[in-house]
Amino acid sequence: MPLKNKEIRAMPLKAVNERLGEIQKELLKLSGQRATGAGQKNNQQIRILKRTKARLLTHLRQGGSKKK
């Protein structure tokens, strides 16, 4: 399930970084499955994860959360 911008803004900076790490690990796993042909149904999940990752990175680059 993708994170909405409103949810990301409400998260503390530490949680954003942790979620980003989780997404990167999952993307690596799914990309490997797609490359070997094992994950035929993972294309949509990969797309959702990439968009969520972009939202998180954008939030961090724009100054992150005001909450610490």
N, C-alpha and C. Protein backbone atom coordinates (compact mmCIF):
# COMPACT_ATOMS: atom_id res chain seq x y z
N MET A 1 0.84 -1.17 0.00
CA MET A 1 0.00 0.00 0.00
C MET A 1 0.89 1.24 0.00
N PRO A 2 0.67 2.13 -0.94
CA PRO A 2 1.52 3.32 -1.02
C PRO A 2 1.23 4.31 0.10
N LEU A 3 2.25 5.04 0.48
CA LEU A 3 2.10 6.09 1.47
C LEU A 3 1.65 7.37 0.78
N LYS A 4 0.72 8.05 1.38
CA LYS A 4 0.26 9.34 0.86
C LYS A 4 1.19 10.44 1.38
N ASN A 5 1.23 11.56 0.69
CA ASN A 5 2.07 12.67 1.12
C ASN A 5 1.70 13.16 2.52
N LYS A 6 0.43 13.15 2.82
CA LYS A 6 -0.04 13.59 4.14
C LYS A 6 0.52 12.67 5.23
N GLU A 7 0.55 11.37 4.96
CA GLU A 7 1.09 10.41 5.93
C GLU A 7 2.60 10.59 6.09
N ILE A 8 3.28 10.87 5.00
CA ILE A 8 4.74 11.05 5.05
C ILE A 8 5.09 12.28 5.87
N ARG A 9 4.36 13.37 5.66
CA ARG A 9 4.64 14.60 6.40
C ARG A 9 4.43 14.43 7.90
N ALA A 10 3.52 13.53 8.29
CA ALA A 10 3.23 13.30 9.70
C ALA A 10 4.27 12.40 10.37
N MET A 11 5.08 11.71 9.58
CA MET A 11 6.07 10.79 10.13
C MET A 11 7.30 11.53 10.62
N PRO A 12 7.91 11.07 11.72
CA PRO A 12 9.18 11.66 12.15
C PRO A 12 10.29 11.27 11.16
N LEU A 13 11.34 12.05 11.18
CA LEU A 13 12.44 11.87 10.23
C LEU A 13 13.05 10.48 10.32
N LYS A 14 13.18 9.97 11.51
CA LYS A 14 13.77 8.63 11.70
C LYS A 14 12.90 7.56 11.04
N ALA A 15 11.59 7.68 11.17
CA ALA A 15 10.67 6.72 10.57
C ALA A 15 10.72 6.79 9.04
N VAL A 16 10.89 7.99 8.50
CA VAL A 16 11.00 8.14 7.05
C VAL A 16 12.24 7.42 6.54
N ASN A 17 13.35 7.58 7.24
CA ASN A 17 14.59 6.91 6.83
C ASN A 17 14.48 5.40 6.94
N GLU A 18 13.83 4.91 7.99
CA GLU A 18 13.64 3.47 8.15
C GLU A 18 12.76 2.91 7.04
N ARG A 19 11.68 3.60 6.74
CA ARG A 19 10.77 3.15 5.68
C ARG A 19 11.47 3.15 4.33
N LEU A 20 12.32 4.14 4.10
CA LEU A 20 13.08 4.22 2.86
C LEU A 20 13.99 3.00 2.71
N GLY A 21 14.65 2.61 3.78
CA GLY A 21 15.50 1.42 3.76
C GLY A 21 14.71 0.15 3.47
N GLU A 22 13.54 0.03 4.08
CA GLU A 22 12.69 -1.13 3.84
C GLU A 22 12.26 -1.21 2.37
N ILE A 23 11.89 -0.07 1.81
CA ILE A 23 11.45 -0.03 0.42
C ILE A 23 12.59 -0.41 -0.51
N GLN A 24 13.79 0.08 -0.24
CA GLN A 24 14.93 -0.23 -1.09
C GLN A 24 15.23 -1.73 -1.07
N LYS A 25 15.14 -2.36 0.10
CA LYS A 25 15.37 -3.80 0.20
C LYS A 25 14.32 -4.58 -0.58
N GLU A 26 13.07 -4.16 -0.44
CA GLU A 26 11.99 -4.85 -1.13
C GLU A 26 12.09 -4.67 -2.65
N LEU A 27 12.47 -3.46 -3.08
CA LEU A 27 12.66 -3.23 -4.50
C LEU A 27 13.76 -4.10 -5.08
N LEU A 28 14.84 -4.25 -4.34
CA LEU A 28 15.95 -5.09 -4.79
C LEU A 28 15.48 -6.53 -4.95
N LYS A 29 14.72 -7.02 -3.98
CA LYS A 29 14.21 -8.39 -4.03
C LYS A 29 13.27 -8.58 -5.22
N LEU A 30 12.33 -7.66 -5.40
CA LEU A 30 11.36 -7.79 -6.49
C LEU A 30 12.01 -7.63 -7.86
N SER A 31 12.99 -6.75 -7.96
CA SER A 31 13.70 -6.57 -9.23
C SER A 31 14.48 -7.83 -9.61
N GLY A 32 15.06 -8.46 -8.61
CA GLY A 32 15.77 -9.72 -8.86
C GLY A 32 14.83 -10.82 -9.32
N GLN A 33 13.65 -10.87 -8.71
CA GLN A 33 12.66 -11.86 -9.12
C GLN A 33 12.19 -11.61 -10.54
N ARG A 34 12.01 -10.34 -10.88
CA ARG A 34 11.56 -10.02 -12.24
C ARG A 34 12.63 -10.36 -13.26
N ALA A 35 13.90 -10.13 -12.91
CA ALA A 35 14.99 -10.42 -13.84
C ALA A 35 15.13 -11.92 -14.11
N THR A 36 14.84 -12.73 -13.10
CA THR A 36 14.95 -14.18 -13.29
C THR A 36 13.68 -14.78 -13.84
N GLY A 37 12.62 -14.00 -13.93
CA GLY A 37 11.36 -14.49 -14.47
C GLY A 37 10.47 -15.13 -13.43
N ALA A 38 10.86 -15.08 -12.18
CA ALA A 38 10.08 -15.72 -11.12
C ALA A 38 8.85 -14.89 -10.73
N GLY A 39 8.93 -13.60 -10.82
CA GLY A 39 7.83 -12.75 -10.37
C GLY A 39 7.11 -12.10 -11.52
N GLN A 40 6.16 -12.80 -12.09
CA GLN A 40 5.41 -12.24 -13.21
C GLN A 40 4.40 -11.18 -12.78
N LYS A 41 3.93 -11.26 -11.54
CA LYS A 41 2.87 -10.37 -11.08
C LYS A 41 3.41 -9.21 -10.26
N ASN A 42 4.72 -9.00 -10.25
CA ASN A 42 5.31 -7.99 -9.39
C ASN A 42 5.48 -6.63 -10.05
N ASN A 43 5.14 -6.50 -11.30
CA ASN A 43 5.36 -5.24 -12.01
C ASN A 43 4.62 -4.07 -11.36
N GLN A 44 3.39 -4.28 -10.98
CA GLN A 44 2.61 -3.21 -10.35
C GLN A 44 3.17 -2.86 -8.98
N GLN A 45 3.59 -3.87 -8.23
CA GLN A 45 4.16 -3.63 -6.90
C GLN A 45 5.46 -2.83 -7.01
N ILE A 46 6.27 -3.15 -7.99
CA ILE A 46 7.53 -2.41 -8.21
C ILE A 46 7.23 -0.95 -8.51
N ARG A 47 6.23 -0.72 -9.33
CA ARG A 47 5.85 0.65 -9.71
C ARG A 47 5.39 1.44 -8.48
N ILE A 48 4.58 0.82 -7.63
CA ILE A 48 4.09 1.48 -6.42
C ILE A 48 5.24 1.80 -5.48
N LEU A 49 6.17 0.85 -5.32
CA LEU A 49 7.31 1.07 -4.43
C LEU A 49 8.22 2.19 -4.94
N LYS A 50 8.42 2.25 -6.24
CA LYS A 50 9.25 3.31 -6.80
C LYS A 50 8.63 4.69 -6.56
N ARG A 51 7.33 4.78 -6.70
CA ARG A 51 6.66 6.06 -6.47
C ARG A 51 6.72 6.47 -5.00
N THR A 52 6.54 5.49 -4.11
CA THR A 52 6.62 5.78 -2.69
C THR A 52 8.03 6.21 -2.31
N LYS A 53 9.03 5.56 -2.89
CA LYS A 53 10.42 5.91 -2.63
C LYS A 53 10.68 7.35 -3.09
N ALA A 54 10.16 7.71 -4.24
CA ALA A 54 10.33 9.07 -4.75
C ALA A 54 9.67 10.09 -3.83
N ARG A 55 8.50 9.77 -3.30
CA ARG A 55 7.82 10.67 -2.37
C ARG A 55 8.64 10.87 -1.10
N LEU A 56 9.21 9.77 -0.58
CA LEU A 56 10.02 9.87 0.63
C LEU A 56 11.28 10.70 0.39
N LEU A 57 11.95 10.46 -0.73
CA LEU A 57 13.16 11.21 -1.03
C LEU A 57 12.87 12.69 -1.25
N THR A 58 11.76 12.99 -1.90
CA THR A 58 11.37 14.38 -2.11
C THR A 58 11.12 15.07 -0.78
N HIS A 59 10.45 14.37 0.11
CA HIS A 59 10.17 14.93 1.44
C HIS A 59 11.48 15.22 2.18
N LEU A 60 12.43 14.31 2.11
CA LEU A 60 13.71 14.51 2.79
C LEU A 60 14.49 15.67 2.18
N ARG A 61 14.46 15.79 0.88
CA ARG A 61 15.22 16.85 0.20
C ARG A 61 14.60 18.23 0.39
N GLN A 62 13.33 18.27 0.69
CA GLN A 62 12.65 19.55 0.90
C GLN A 62 12.76 20.02 2.35
N GLY A 63 13.58 19.37 3.12
CA GLY A 63 13.79 19.82 4.48
C GLY A 63 13.27 18.86 5.52
N GLY A 64 12.60 17.81 5.09
CA GLY A 64 12.13 16.81 6.02
C GLY A 64 11.02 17.33 6.92
N SER A 65 10.80 16.60 7.94
CA SER A 65 9.75 16.91 8.88
C SER A 65 10.24 17.92 9.90
N LYS A 66 9.36 18.75 10.38
CA LYS A 66 9.72 19.70 11.42
C LYS A 66 9.79 19.01 12.78
N LYS A 67 9.14 17.84 12.86
CA LYS A 67 9.18 17.05 14.09
C LYS A 67 10.48 16.26 14.14
N LYS A 68 11.04 16.11 15.29
CA LYS A 68 12.30 15.34 15.42
C LYS A 68 12.10 14.14 16.27
